[in-house]
């Protein structure tokens, strides 16, 4: 009976050590590749775009968002499809508040946004 408890104790300690190593690895990789900052930027820009489309009641569809990063710079390309209109209600100026917020909460110092209207 004493042997079973000892083996059980050893395996629990082993699982805890593996879990701690995995947690440290995930945190290290997250900071190394900064995927959290990229996801934060993309999510914030997507949310802002959808809010602006709703606010202006625009006949526009958000097709996709592409990005590229170099060091502390991120370039975000927003592709919008117009439906039966040629107006372009969204502009870079609509994103100034979101960009300032992202500069304070992410590692990026330079955030560039390009709006592409597809007809």
C-alpha atoms as a PDB file:
ATOM      1  CA  UNK A   1       0.000   0.000   0.000  1.00  0.00           C
ATOM      2  CA  UNK A   2       2.841   2.376   0.771  1.00  0.00           C
ATOM      3  CA  UNK A   3       4.285   1.696  -2.702  1.00  0.00           C
ATOM      4  CA  UNK A   4       1.075   2.850  -4.449  1.00  0.00           C
ATOM      5  CA  UNK A   5       1.011   6.179  -2.631  1.00  0.00           C
ATOM      6  CA  UNK A   6       4.670   6.766  -3.446  1.00  0.00           C
ATOM      7  CA  UNK A   7       4.145   6.060  -7.154  1.00  0.00           C
ATOM      8  CA  UNK A   8       1.056   8.258  -7.214  1.00  0.00           C
ATOM      9  CA  UNK A   9       2.926  11.068  -5.498  1.00  0.00           C
ATOM     10  CA  UNK A  10       5.814  10.800  -7.971  1.00  0.00           C
ATOM     11  CA  UNK A  11       3.541  10.911 -11.005  1.00  0.00           C
ATOM     12  CA  UNK A  12       1.647  13.962  -9.677  1.00  0.00           C
ATOM     13  CA  UNK A  13       4.926  15.800  -9.094  1.00  0.00           C
ATOM     14  CA  UNK A  14       6.022  14.845 -12.599  1.00  0.00           C
ATOM     15  CA  UNK A  15       2.783  16.209 -14.109  1.00  0.00           C
ATOM     16  CA  UNK A  16       3.131  19.461 -12.149  1.00  0.00           C
ATOM     17  CA  UNK A  17       6.730  19.909 -13.349  1.00  0.00           C
ATOM     18  CA  UNK A  18       5.684  19.286 -16.971  1.00  0.00           C
ATOM     19  CA  UNK A  19       2.800  21.789 -16.615  1.00  0.00           C
ATOM     20  CA  UNK A  20       5.142  24.472 -15.237  1.00  0.00           C
ATOM     21  CA  UNK A  21       7.628  23.894 -18.082  1.00  0.00           C
ATOM     22  CA  UNK A  22       4.815  24.161 -20.655  1.00  0.00           C
ATOM     23  CA  UNK A  23       3.538  27.386 -19.088  1.00  0.00           C
ATOM     24  CA  UNK A  24       7.009  28.950 -19.132  1.00  0.00           C
ATOM     25  CA  UNK A  25       7.501  27.855 -22.764  1.00  0.00           C
ATOM     26  CA  UNK A  26       4.166  29.347 -23.856  1.00  0.00           C
ATOM     27  CA  UNK A  27       4.897  32.661 -22.112  1.00  0.00           C
ATOM     28  CA  UNK A  28       8.380  32.794 -23.644  1.00  0.00           C
ATOM     29  CA  UNK A  29       7.111  32.050 -27.156  1.00  0.00           C
ATOM     30  CA  UNK A  30       4.298  34.594 -26.791  1.00  0.00           C
ATOM     31  CA  UNK A  31       6.724  37.357 -25.885  1.00  0.00           C
ATOM     32  CA  UNK A  32       9.236  36.244 -28.496  1.00  0.00           C
ATOM     33  CA  UNK A  33       6.818  36.308 -31.419  1.00  0.00           C
ATOM     34  CA  UNK A  34       4.466  39.007 -30.027  1.00  0.00           C
ATOM     35  CA  UNK A  35       1.396  37.228 -31.354  1.00  0.00           C
ATOM     36  CA  UNK A  36      -0.665  38.713 -28.554  1.00  0.00           C
ATOM     37  CA  UNK A  37       0.121  42.276 -29.704  1.00  0.00           C
ATOM     38  CA  UNK A  38      -0.697  41.398 -33.315  1.00  0.00           C
ATOM     39  CA  UNK A  39      -3.997  39.783 -32.311  1.00  0.00           C
ATOM     40  CA  UNK A  40      -4.859  42.812 -30.171  1.00  0.00           C
ATOM     41  CA  UNK A  41      -4.205  45.178 -33.095  1.00  0.00           C
ATOM     42  CA  UNK A  42      -6.186  43.156 -35.614  1.00  0.00           C
ATOM     43  CA  UNK A  43      -9.115  42.657 -33.233  1.00  0.00           C
ATOM     44  CA  UNK A  44      -9.244  46.365 -32.309  1.00  0.00           C
ATOM     45  CA  UNK A  45      -9.086  47.521 -35.936  1.00  0.00           C
ATOM     46  CA  UNK A  46     -11.721  44.974 -36.986  1.00  0.00           C
ATOM     47  CA  UNK A  47     -14.033  46.026 -34.156  1.00  0.00           C
ATOM     48  CA  UNK A  48     -13.531  49.722 -34.980  1.00  0.00           C
ATOM     49  CA  UNK A  49     -14.242  49.099 -38.674  1.00  0.00           C
ATOM     50  CA  UNK A  50     -17.459  47.220 -37.948  1.00  0.00           C
ATOM     51  CA  UNK A  51     -18.589  49.942 -35.529  1.00  0.00           C
ATOM     52  CA  UNK A  52     -17.929  52.628 -38.141  1.00  0.00           C
ATOM     53  CA  UNK A  53     -19.819  50.699 -40.832  1.00  0.00           C
ATOM     54  CA  UNK A  54     -22.773  50.413 -38.467  1.00  0.00           C
ATOM     55  CA  UNK A  55     -22.513  54.050 -37.342  1.00  0.00           C
ATOM     56  CA  UNK A  56     -22.558  55.423 -40.883  1.00  0.00           C
ATOM     57  CA  UNK A  57     -25.107  52.805 -42.010  1.00  0.00           C
ATOM     58  CA  UNK A  58     -22.846  52.199 -44.990  1.00  0.00           C
ATOM     59  CA  UNK A  59     -23.459  49.655 -47.737  1.00  0.00           C
ATOM     60  CA  UNK A  60     -19.974  48.239 -47.179  1.00  0.00           C
ATOM     61  CA  UNK A  61     -18.797  44.736 -46.306  1.00  0.00           C
ATOM     62  CA  UNK A  62     -15.545  44.038 -44.499  1.00  0.00           C
ATOM     63  CA  UNK A  63     -13.846  41.451 -46.726  1.00  0.00           C
ATOM     64  CA  UNK A  64     -10.576  40.851 -44.865  1.00  0.00           C
ATOM     65  CA  UNK A  65      -7.723  42.421 -42.963  1.00  0.00           C
ATOM     66  CA  UNK A  66      -4.108  41.775 -43.930  1.00  0.00           C
ATOM     67  CA  UNK A  67      -1.055  42.850 -41.981  1.00  0.00           C
ATOM     68  CA  UNK A  68       2.715  42.825 -42.049  1.00  0.00           C
ATOM     69  CA  UNK A  69       5.111  43.612 -39.231  1.00  0.00           C
ATOM     70  CA  UNK A  70       8.691  44.804 -39.146  1.00  0.00           C
ATOM     71  CA  UNK A  71      10.164  45.284 -35.675  1.00  0.00           C
ATOM     72  CA  UNK A  72       7.851  47.746 -33.903  1.00  0.00           C
ATOM     73  CA  UNK A  73       5.914  48.723 -37.034  1.00  0.00           C
ATOM     74  CA  UNK A  74       2.690  47.170 -38.258  1.00  0.00           C
ATOM     75  CA  UNK A  75       1.002  47.872 -41.573  1.00  0.00           C
ATOM     76  CA  UNK A  76      -2.671  46.939 -41.671  1.00  0.00           C
ATOM     77  CA  UNK A  77      -4.587  46.700 -44.934  1.00  0.00           C
ATOM     78  CA  UNK A  78      -8.387  46.738 -44.641  1.00  0.00           C
ATOM     79  CA  UNK A  79     -10.256  45.460 -47.709  1.00  0.00           C
ATOM     80  CA  UNK A  80     -13.835  46.708 -47.950  1.00  0.00           C
ATOM     81  CA  UNK A  81     -16.383  45.856 -50.604  1.00  0.00           C
ATOM     82  CA  UNK A  82     -18.857  48.510 -51.664  1.00  0.00           C
ATOM     83  CA  UNK A  83     -22.395  47.500 -52.558  1.00  0.00           C
ATOM     84  CA  UNK A  84     -24.175  49.664 -55.151  1.00  0.00           C
ATOM     85  CA  UNK A  85     -22.309  52.828 -54.203  1.00  0.00           C
ATOM     86  CA  UNK A  86     -19.114  54.694 -54.909  1.00  0.00           C
ATOM     87  CA  UNK A  87     -18.934  56.622 -51.647  1.00  0.00           C
ATOM     88  CA  UNK A  88     -16.020  55.999 -49.307  1.00  0.00           C
ATOM     89  CA  UNK A  89     -17.261  56.989 -45.834  1.00  0.00           C
ATOM     90  CA  UNK A  90     -14.349  55.525 -43.895  1.00  0.00           C
ATOM     91  CA  UNK A  91     -10.970  57.219 -43.841  1.00  0.00           C
ATOM     92  CA  UNK A  92      -7.723  57.035 -41.912  1.00  0.00           C
ATOM     93  CA  UNK A  93      -8.988  59.824 -39.632  1.00  0.00           C
ATOM     94  CA  UNK A  94     -11.700  57.519 -38.275  1.00  0.00           C
ATOM     95  CA  UNK A  95      -8.991  55.333 -36.724  1.00  0.00           C
ATOM     96  CA  UNK A  96      -6.914  57.926 -34.831  1.00  0.00           C
ATOM     97  CA  UNK A  97      -8.390  57.069 -31.424  1.00  0.00           C
ATOM     98  CA  UNK A  98      -7.925  53.318 -31.960  1.00  0.00           C
ATOM     99  CA  UNK A  99      -4.344  53.836 -33.146  1.00  0.00           C
ATOM    100  CA  UNK A 100      -3.447  55.937 -30.097  1.00  0.00           C
ATOM    101  CA  UNK A 101      -4.943  53.285 -27.812  1.00  0.00           C
ATOM    102  CA  UNK A 102      -2.955  50.538 -29.557  1.00  0.00           C
ATOM    103  CA  UNK A 103       0.292  52.502 -29.339  1.00  0.00           C
ATOM    104  CA  UNK A 104      -0.165  52.630 -25.569  1.00  0.00           C
ATOM    105  CA  UNK A 105      -1.118  48.983 -25.065  1.00  0.00           C
ATOM    106  CA  UNK A 106       1.056  47.134 -27.592  1.00  0.00           C
ATOM    107  CA  UNK A 107       4.722  47.135 -28.558  1.00  0.00           C
ATOM    108  CA  UNK A 108       4.034  48.883 -31.871  1.00  0.00           C
ATOM    109  CA  UNK A 109       5.253  52.487 -32.228  1.00  0.00           C
ATOM    110  CA  UNK A 110       4.097  52.944 -35.809  1.00  0.00           C
ATOM    111  CA  UNK A 111       0.669  51.692 -36.932  1.00  0.00           C
ATOM    112  CA  UNK A 112      -0.238  52.327 -40.559  1.00  0.00           C
ATOM    113  CA  UNK A 113      -3.718  51.658 -41.903  1.00  0.00           C
ATOM    114  CA  UNK A 114      -4.632  51.435 -45.591  1.00  0.00           C
ATOM    115  CA  UNK A 115      -8.251  51.269 -46.717  1.00  0.00           C
ATOM    116  CA  UNK A 116      -8.897  49.487 -50.029  1.00  0.00           C
ATOM    117  CA  UNK A 117     -12.347  49.839 -51.493  1.00  0.00           C
ATOM    118  CA  UNK A 118     -13.257  46.994 -53.851  1.00  0.00           C
ATOM    119  CA  UNK A 119     -16.023  47.616 -56.380  1.00  0.00           C
END
